[in-house]
Amino acid sequence: MFKGDRNFAVGLFVSIAIASFIFFVIWLTGRTGEQELTRYTLLFHKDVSGLNVGGPVKYMGMKVGSVIMMDIERIDGVKIRVDIDVLTSTPVDTGTFASLALQGITGVAVVNLETEPGVHPPLEVQSGRDHPIIPVRIVGFSALMSSAPEIMSKLNNILSQAEKILGDENQQAIAGTLENIQLLTETLAEERAAIGAIPGNLNATIAEVQATVRQLQGMITELQPSIHSTIDNVNQSSENLASLTGRVDGLLRDHEQDLGRFMEQGLGEAPALMDQTRKVLRDLEKLLQDLQDGPSQLIYRHDENSVEIEP
């Protein structure tokens, strides 16, 4: 009788535990089903490897939904359309953006939602769309992976250029440059004393320049009175010249009629005076020629009717 009661108690306990577990699962399933979901659309322009239907959707790391559908869309270019169902209580607005993140080292991708700080208006359905569109950003490791081909291409270009730089001709040029640098270093080491004297020579030169400047300043100071006197003389000469010009102008105005008569009458006799002057000059020239040929002819005139007797 005692053993039967104990088995009955154990069976009853197990039955109650199983019933409680089933009730808890049903309650949990019913509660989850009662939560409202909102569907959004994501448009990816890059590779979405690792993302599958049923994959989790997280908001700042917490699961809030799942991927419902994936398809290729050809509107305004080729894009990958991903529809997700997210809990309506998730704070999705115009400041929210989606990105892909790798989960662990398995390569499985999840959709991660984040919202920029601040207050943003609600996200509305665009014209021609069935669901609101959450913008997509390529960030983190996904951005690195998406830009990996471009990075590899640039790296290949750098390696190609490095290979060209390290060619035989460039190696010889680099070796020559290094030899020139070594020669320059040795020359500088030999001229260490002369180089060390440069600051002293420079200081001496600066001192000489300063002394010359002081001498020039002294000369300018000494010459300032003379310069002022010269300027005064120039000013006085300018005033005298202006006064003389005024007197000449007055004289010309006073004797304007006399000058006019001279210009009309005196200058008219100038040609006759020049002719007479030329005639006098010719006579003087002839007289001088006669004096050179026979000076006695001026005293003893030769008689044209005289007869010469031969001895």
Protein backbone atom coordinates (compact mmCIF):
# COMPACT_ATOMS: atom_id res chain seq x y z
CA MET A 1 0.00 0.00 0.00
CA PHE A 2 2.87 2.37 0.80
CA LYS A 3 4.69 1.62 -2.44
CA GLY A 4 1.58 2.28 -4.49
CA ASP A 5 1.05 5.65 -2.88
CA ARG A 6 4.65 6.63 -3.55
CA ASN A 7 4.47 5.68 -7.23
CA PHE A 8 1.21 7.51 -7.51
CA ALA A 9 2.76 10.65 -6.02
CA VAL A 10 5.74 10.47 -8.38
CA GLY A 11 3.49 9.98 -11.37
CA LEU A 12 1.29 12.85 -10.28
CA PHE A 13 4.30 15.13 -9.84
CA VAL A 14 5.68 14.26 -13.29
CA SER A 15 2.28 14.78 -14.86
CA ILE A 16 1.90 18.17 -13.21
CA ALA A 17 5.40 19.19 -14.32
CA ILE A 18 4.74 18.17 -17.93
CA ALA A 19 1.40 19.96 -17.92
CA SER A 20 3.01 23.08 -16.47
CA PHE A 21 5.73 23.03 -19.13
CA ILE A 22 3.16 22.62 -21.91
CA PHE A 23 1.06 25.42 -20.45
CA PHE A 24 4.12 27.68 -20.21
CA VAL A 25 5.07 27.00 -23.84
CA ILE A 26 1.52 27.66 -24.99
CA TRP A 27 1.39 30.85 -22.93
CA LEU A 28 4.73 32.04 -24.25
CA THR A 29 3.75 31.24 -27.83
CA GLY A 30 0.46 33.00 -27.42
CA ARG A 31 2.14 36.08 -25.93
CA THR A 32 4.65 36.22 -28.74
CA GLY A 33 1.92 35.89 -31.30
CA GLU A 34 -0.03 38.70 -29.74
CA GLN A 35 2.85 41.19 -30.26
CA GLU A 36 2.26 43.39 -33.29
CA LEU A 37 4.82 43.45 -36.09
CA THR A 38 5.51 46.14 -38.70
CA ARG A 39 7.03 45.35 -42.07
CA TYR A 40 9.82 47.46 -43.55
CA THR A 41 11.83 47.27 -46.76
CA LEU A 42 15.61 47.50 -47.09
CA LEU A 43 17.37 48.14 -50.42
CA PHE A 44 20.99 46.95 -50.59
CA HIS A 45 23.29 48.10 -53.40
CA LYS A 46 26.18 45.94 -52.18
CA ASP A 47 26.78 42.24 -51.55
CA VAL A 48 24.51 40.65 -48.91
CA SER A 49 26.38 37.38 -48.56
CA GLY A 50 25.53 35.58 -45.32
CA LEU A 51 22.02 37.05 -45.04
CA ASN A 52 19.15 34.55 -45.39
CA VAL A 53 15.38 34.48 -45.00
CA GLY A 54 14.58 33.97 -41.34
CA GLY A 55 17.76 35.69 -40.28
CA PRO A 56 17.52 37.84 -37.17
CA VAL A 57 16.93 41.58 -37.16
CA LYS A 58 18.41 43.42 -34.20
CA TYR A 59 17.97 46.91 -32.87
CA MET A 60 21.25 48.05 -31.34
CA GLY A 61 22.13 44.39 -30.68
CA MET A 62 18.71 43.22 -29.35
CA LYS A 63 16.59 40.94 -31.52
CA VAL A 64 13.38 42.68 -32.59
CA GLY A 65 12.39 40.80 -35.74
CA SER A 66 13.44 38.63 -38.65
CA VAL A 67 13.98 38.63 -42.41
CA ILE A 68 10.77 37.72 -44.25
CA MET A 69 11.68 37.98 -47.93
CA MET A 70 14.70 38.58 -50.20
CA ASP A 71 14.45 39.39 -53.89
CA ILE A 72 16.25 41.18 -56.74
CA GLU A 73 14.69 44.51 -57.66
CA ARG A 74 15.38 46.21 -61.00
CA ILE A 75 13.71 49.56 -60.35
CA ASP A 76 16.24 52.39 -60.80
CA GLY A 77 19.08 49.90 -61.15
CA VAL A 78 19.71 46.47 -59.73
CA LYS A 79 19.26 46.21 -55.95
CA ILE A 80 18.66 43.49 -53.38
CA ARG A 81 15.29 44.00 -51.70
CA VAL A 82 14.98 42.65 -48.17
CA ASP A 83 11.66 42.78 -46.30
CA ILE A 84 11.78 42.51 -42.51
CA ASP A 85 9.15 42.23 -39.79
CA VAL A 86 10.01 44.24 -36.69
CA LEU A 87 8.16 44.68 -33.41
CA THR A 88 5.92 47.70 -33.64
CA SER A 89 7.32 48.92 -30.36
CA THR A 90 10.76 49.31 -31.97
CA PRO A 91 11.55 53.06 -32.29
CA VAL A 92 11.93 53.25 -36.07
CA ASP A 93 11.76 56.74 -37.62
CA THR A 94 13.49 58.80 -40.32
CA GLY A 95 16.68 58.80 -38.23
CA THR A 96 16.91 54.99 -38.29
CA PHE A 97 19.27 53.20 -40.68
CA ALA A 98 20.07 49.54 -41.33
CA SER A 99 23.40 47.81 -41.81
CA LEU A 100 24.74 44.28 -42.13
CA ALA A 101 26.82 42.79 -39.33
CA LEU A 102 28.54 39.43 -39.17
CA GLN A 103 27.52 37.18 -36.29
CA GLY A 104 30.49 35.29 -34.91
CA ILE A 105 33.01 33.63 -37.24
CA THR A 106 30.46 31.56 -39.16
CA GLY A 107 29.87 34.27 -41.74
CA VAL A 108 26.14 34.53 -40.93
CA ALA A 109 24.92 38.10 -41.42
CA VAL A 110 22.25 39.82 -39.38
CA VAL A 111 20.40 43.07 -39.99
CA ASN A 112 21.24 45.65 -37.37
CA LEU A 113 19.08 48.77 -36.89
CA GLU A 114 20.36 51.96 -35.29
CA THR A 115 18.91 55.44 -34.80
CA GLU A 116 20.79 58.71 -34.85
CA PRO A 117 20.52 60.85 -31.70
CA GLY A 118 17.74 63.40 -31.57
CA VAL A 119 14.05 63.59 -32.34
CA HIS A 120 13.01 62.58 -35.86
CA PRO A 121 9.64 62.47 -37.66
CA PRO A 122 8.00 59.07 -38.24
CA LEU A 123 8.90 56.99 -41.27
CA GLU A 124 6.18 57.06 -43.94
CA VAL A 125 5.43 54.88 -46.95
CA GLN A 126 6.81 56.31 -50.19
CA SER A 127 4.74 56.59 -53.33
CA GLY A 128 4.67 53.32 -55.27
CA ARG A 129 5.85 51.26 -52.28
CA ASP A 130 4.00 48.83 -50.03
CA HIS A 131 6.07 49.37 -46.90
CA PRO A 132 8.27 52.11 -45.44
CA ILE A 133 11.89 52.00 -46.59
CA ILE A 134 14.67 52.10 -44.01
CA PRO A 135 17.87 53.53 -45.56
CA VAL A 136 20.90 51.25 -45.65
CA ARG A 137 24.44 52.22 -44.67
CA ILE A 138 27.59 50.23 -45.21
CA VAL A 139 29.49 50.50 -41.93
CA GLY A 140 31.97 48.54 -39.87
CA PHE A 141 33.36 45.25 -41.14
CA SER A 142 30.81 45.14 -43.95
CA ALA A 143 32.15 48.41 -45.31
CA LEU A 144 35.66 46.98 -45.17
CA MET A 145 34.60 43.81 -46.96
CA SER A 146 32.61 45.70 -49.60
CA SER A 147 35.59 47.92 -50.37
CA ALA A 148 38.05 45.00 -50.28
CA PRO A 149 38.19 44.62 -54.11
CA GLU A 150 38.97 48.30 -54.54
CA ILE A 151 41.59 48.11 -51.80
CA MET A 152 43.19 45.08 -53.45
CA SER A 153 43.23 46.86 -56.82
CA LYS A 154 44.97 49.87 -55.32
CA LEU A 155 47.39 47.58 -53.49
CA ASN A 156 48.22 45.83 -56.75
CA ASN A 157 48.87 49.20 -58.40
CA ILE A 158 51.15 50.19 -55.53
CA LEU A 159 53.05 46.91 -55.81
CA SER A 160 53.40 47.39 -59.58
CA GLN A 161 54.77 50.89 -59.11
CA ALA A 162 57.11 49.62 -56.40
CA GLU A 163 58.33 46.92 -58.77
CA LYS A 164 59.04 49.56 -61.41
CA ILE A 165 60.85 51.72 -58.89
CA LEU A 166 62.98 48.76 -57.83
CA GLY A 167 63.97 47.98 -61.43
CA ASP A 168 67.60 47.70 -62.53
CA GLU A 169 67.85 51.27 -63.84
CA ASN A 170 66.24 52.78 -60.77
CA GLN A 171 68.37 50.62 -58.51
CA GLN A 172 71.48 52.01 -60.18
CA ALA A 173 70.11 55.55 -59.83
CA ILE A 174 69.32 54.97 -56.16
CA ALA A 175 72.80 53.52 -55.61
CA GLY A 176 74.33 56.59 -57.28
CA THR A 177 72.21 58.88 -55.13
CA LEU A 178 73.33 57.07 -51.99
CA GLU A 179 76.96 57.38 -53.08
CA ASN A 180 76.48 61.12 -53.65
CA ILE A 181 74.89 61.45 -50.22
CA GLN A 182 77.80 59.59 -48.66
CA LEU A 183 80.30 61.80 -50.51
CA LEU A 184 78.45 64.90 -49.37
CA THR A 185 78.47 63.62 -45.80
CA GLU A 186 82.22 62.98 -45.93
CA THR A 187 82.82 66.43 -47.43
CA LEU A 188 80.77 68.06 -44.70
CA ALA A 189 82.72 66.11 -42.10
CA GLU A 190 86.01 67.35 -43.57
CA GLU A 191 84.76 70.92 -43.67
CA ARG A 192 83.43 70.74 -40.15
CA ALA A 193 85.72 73.52 -38.94
CA ALA A 194 84.76 75.84 -41.80
CA ILE A 195 81.09 75.11 -41.27
CA GLY A 196 81.50 75.77 -37.56
CA ALA A 197 83.04 79.15 -38.38
CA ILE A 198 80.05 80.19 -40.49
CA PRO A 199 77.97 81.47 -37.54
CA GLY A 200 80.89 83.57 -36.30
CA ASN A 201 81.51 85.01 -39.77
CA LEU A 202 77.84 85.67 -40.14
CA ASN A 203 77.75 87.51 -36.83
CA ALA A 204 80.80 89.58 -37.87
CA THR A 205 79.14 90.43 -41.19
CA ILE A 206 75.98 91.47 -39.40
CA ALA A 207 78.03 93.66 -37.05
CA GLU A 208 79.75 95.33 -40.03
CA VAL A 209 76.41 95.92 -41.70
CA GLN A 210 75.06 97.45 -38.51
CA ALA A 211 78.14 99.71 -38.24
CA THR A 212 77.68 100.79 -41.87
CA VAL A 213 74.04 101.56 -41.20
CA ARG A 214 75.01 103.67 -38.18
CA GLN A 215 77.55 105.57 -40.31
CA LEU A 216 74.94 106.19 -42.96
CA GLN A 217 72.55 107.44 -40.32
CA GLY A 218 75.24 109.81 -39.02
CA MET A 219 75.99 111.09 -42.52
CA ILE A 220 72.31 111.65 -43.16
CA THR A 221 72.06 113.54 -39.88
CA GLU A 222 75.03 115.73 -40.84
CA LEU A 223 73.73 116.33 -44.36
CA GLN A 224 70.23 117.25 -43.29
CA PRO A 225 71.06 121.01 -42.86
CA SER A 226 72.77 121.08 -46.28
CA ILE A 227 69.88 119.25 -47.83
CA HIS A 228 67.43 121.72 -46.32
CA SER A 229 69.61 124.63 -47.58
CA THR A 230 69.76 123.12 -51.07
CA ILE A 231 66.02 122.68 -51.08
CA ASP A 232 65.61 126.31 -50.02
CA ASN A 233 67.95 127.43 -52.86
CA VAL A 234 66.01 125.35 -55.34
CA ASN A 235 62.78 126.89 -54.12
CA GLN A 236 64.32 130.40 -54.38
CA SER A 237 65.56 129.64 -57.92
CA SER A 238 62.13 128.44 -58.86
CA GLU A 239 60.61 131.63 -57.52
CA ASN A 240 63.21 133.76 -59.41
CA LEU A 241 62.55 131.82 -62.60
CA ALA A 242 58.84 132.34 -62.19
CA SER A 243 59.44 136.09 -61.63
CA LEU A 244 61.73 136.28 -64.69
CA THR A 245 59.15 134.49 -66.78
CA GLY A 246 56.56 136.99 -65.66
CA ARG A 247 58.78 139.93 -66.58
CA VAL A 248 59.53 138.43 -70.01
CA ASP A 249 55.83 137.94 -70.59
CA GLY A 250 55.20 141.58 -69.62
CA LEU A 251 58.03 142.78 -71.89
CA LEU A 252 56.64 140.82 -74.81
CA ARG A 253 53.19 142.26 -74.21
CA ASP A 254 54.58 145.83 -74.00
CA HIS A 255 56.66 145.54 -77.20
CA GLU A 256 54.39 143.29 -79.14
CA GLN A 257 53.91 145.89 -81.93
CA ASP A 258 57.65 146.63 -82.24
CA LEU A 259 58.42 142.94 -82.48
CA GLY A 260 55.76 142.59 -85.13
CA ARG A 261 57.31 145.37 -87.26
CA PHE A 262 60.75 143.82 -86.83
CA MET A 263 59.47 140.47 -87.94
CA GLU A 264 57.81 142.02 -91.00
CA GLN A 265 60.50 144.59 -92.07
CA GLY A 266 63.82 143.53 -90.58
CA LEU A 267 63.51 139.91 -91.55
CA GLY A 268 62.51 140.98 -95.07
CA GLU A 269 65.98 142.59 -95.63
CA ALA A 270 67.78 139.54 -94.33
CA PRO A 271 68.24 137.90 -97.81
CA ALA A 272 69.92 141.05 -99.28
CA LEU A 273 72.17 141.29 -96.24
CA MET A 274 73.19 137.68 -96.70
CA ASP A 275 74.03 138.27 -100.42
CA GLN A 276 76.22 141.27 -99.57
CA THR A 277 77.94 139.30 -96.86
CA ARG A 278 78.71 136.47 -99.29
CA LYS A 279 80.12 139.04 -101.84
CA VAL A 280 82.38 140.62 -99.24
CA LEU A 281 83.62 137.19 -98.21
CA ARG A 282 84.46 136.34 -101.85
CA ASP A 283 86.39 139.62 -102.24
CA LEU A 284 88.33 138.95 -99.07
CA GLU A 285 89.11 135.46 -100.26
CA LYS A 286 90.44 136.83 -103.59
CA LEU A 287 92.55 139.43 -101.81
CA LEU A 288 94.11 136.83 -99.58
CA GLN A 289 94.90 134.68 -102.60
CA ASP A 290 96.66 137.61 -104.29
CA LEU A 291 98.69 138.23 -101.18
CA GLN A 292 99.81 134.64 -101.17
CA ASP A 293 100.77 134.66 -104.87
CA GLY A 294 102.68 138.00 -104.89
CA PRO A 295 102.57 140.46 -102.06
CA SER A 296 104.52 143.09 -104.10
CA GLN A 297 101.71 143.39 -106.57
CA LEU A 298 99.78 145.39 -103.99
CA ILE A 299 102.57 148.09 -104.18
CA TYR A 300 103.95 147.78 -107.75
CA ARG A 301 101.31 147.34 -110.37
CA HIS A 302 102.42 145.49 -113.51
CA ASP A 303 102.17 147.67 -116.66
CA GLU A 304 100.51 145.81 -119.44
CA ASN A 305 102.10 148.13 -122.17
CA SER A 306 105.73 147.76 -120.95
CA VAL A 307 108.36 145.90 -123.10
CA GLU A 308 110.65 143.38 -121.58
CA ILE A 309 114.33 143.63 -122.82
CA GLU A 310 116.30 140.48 -122.96
CA PRO A 311 119.88 140.79 -121.67
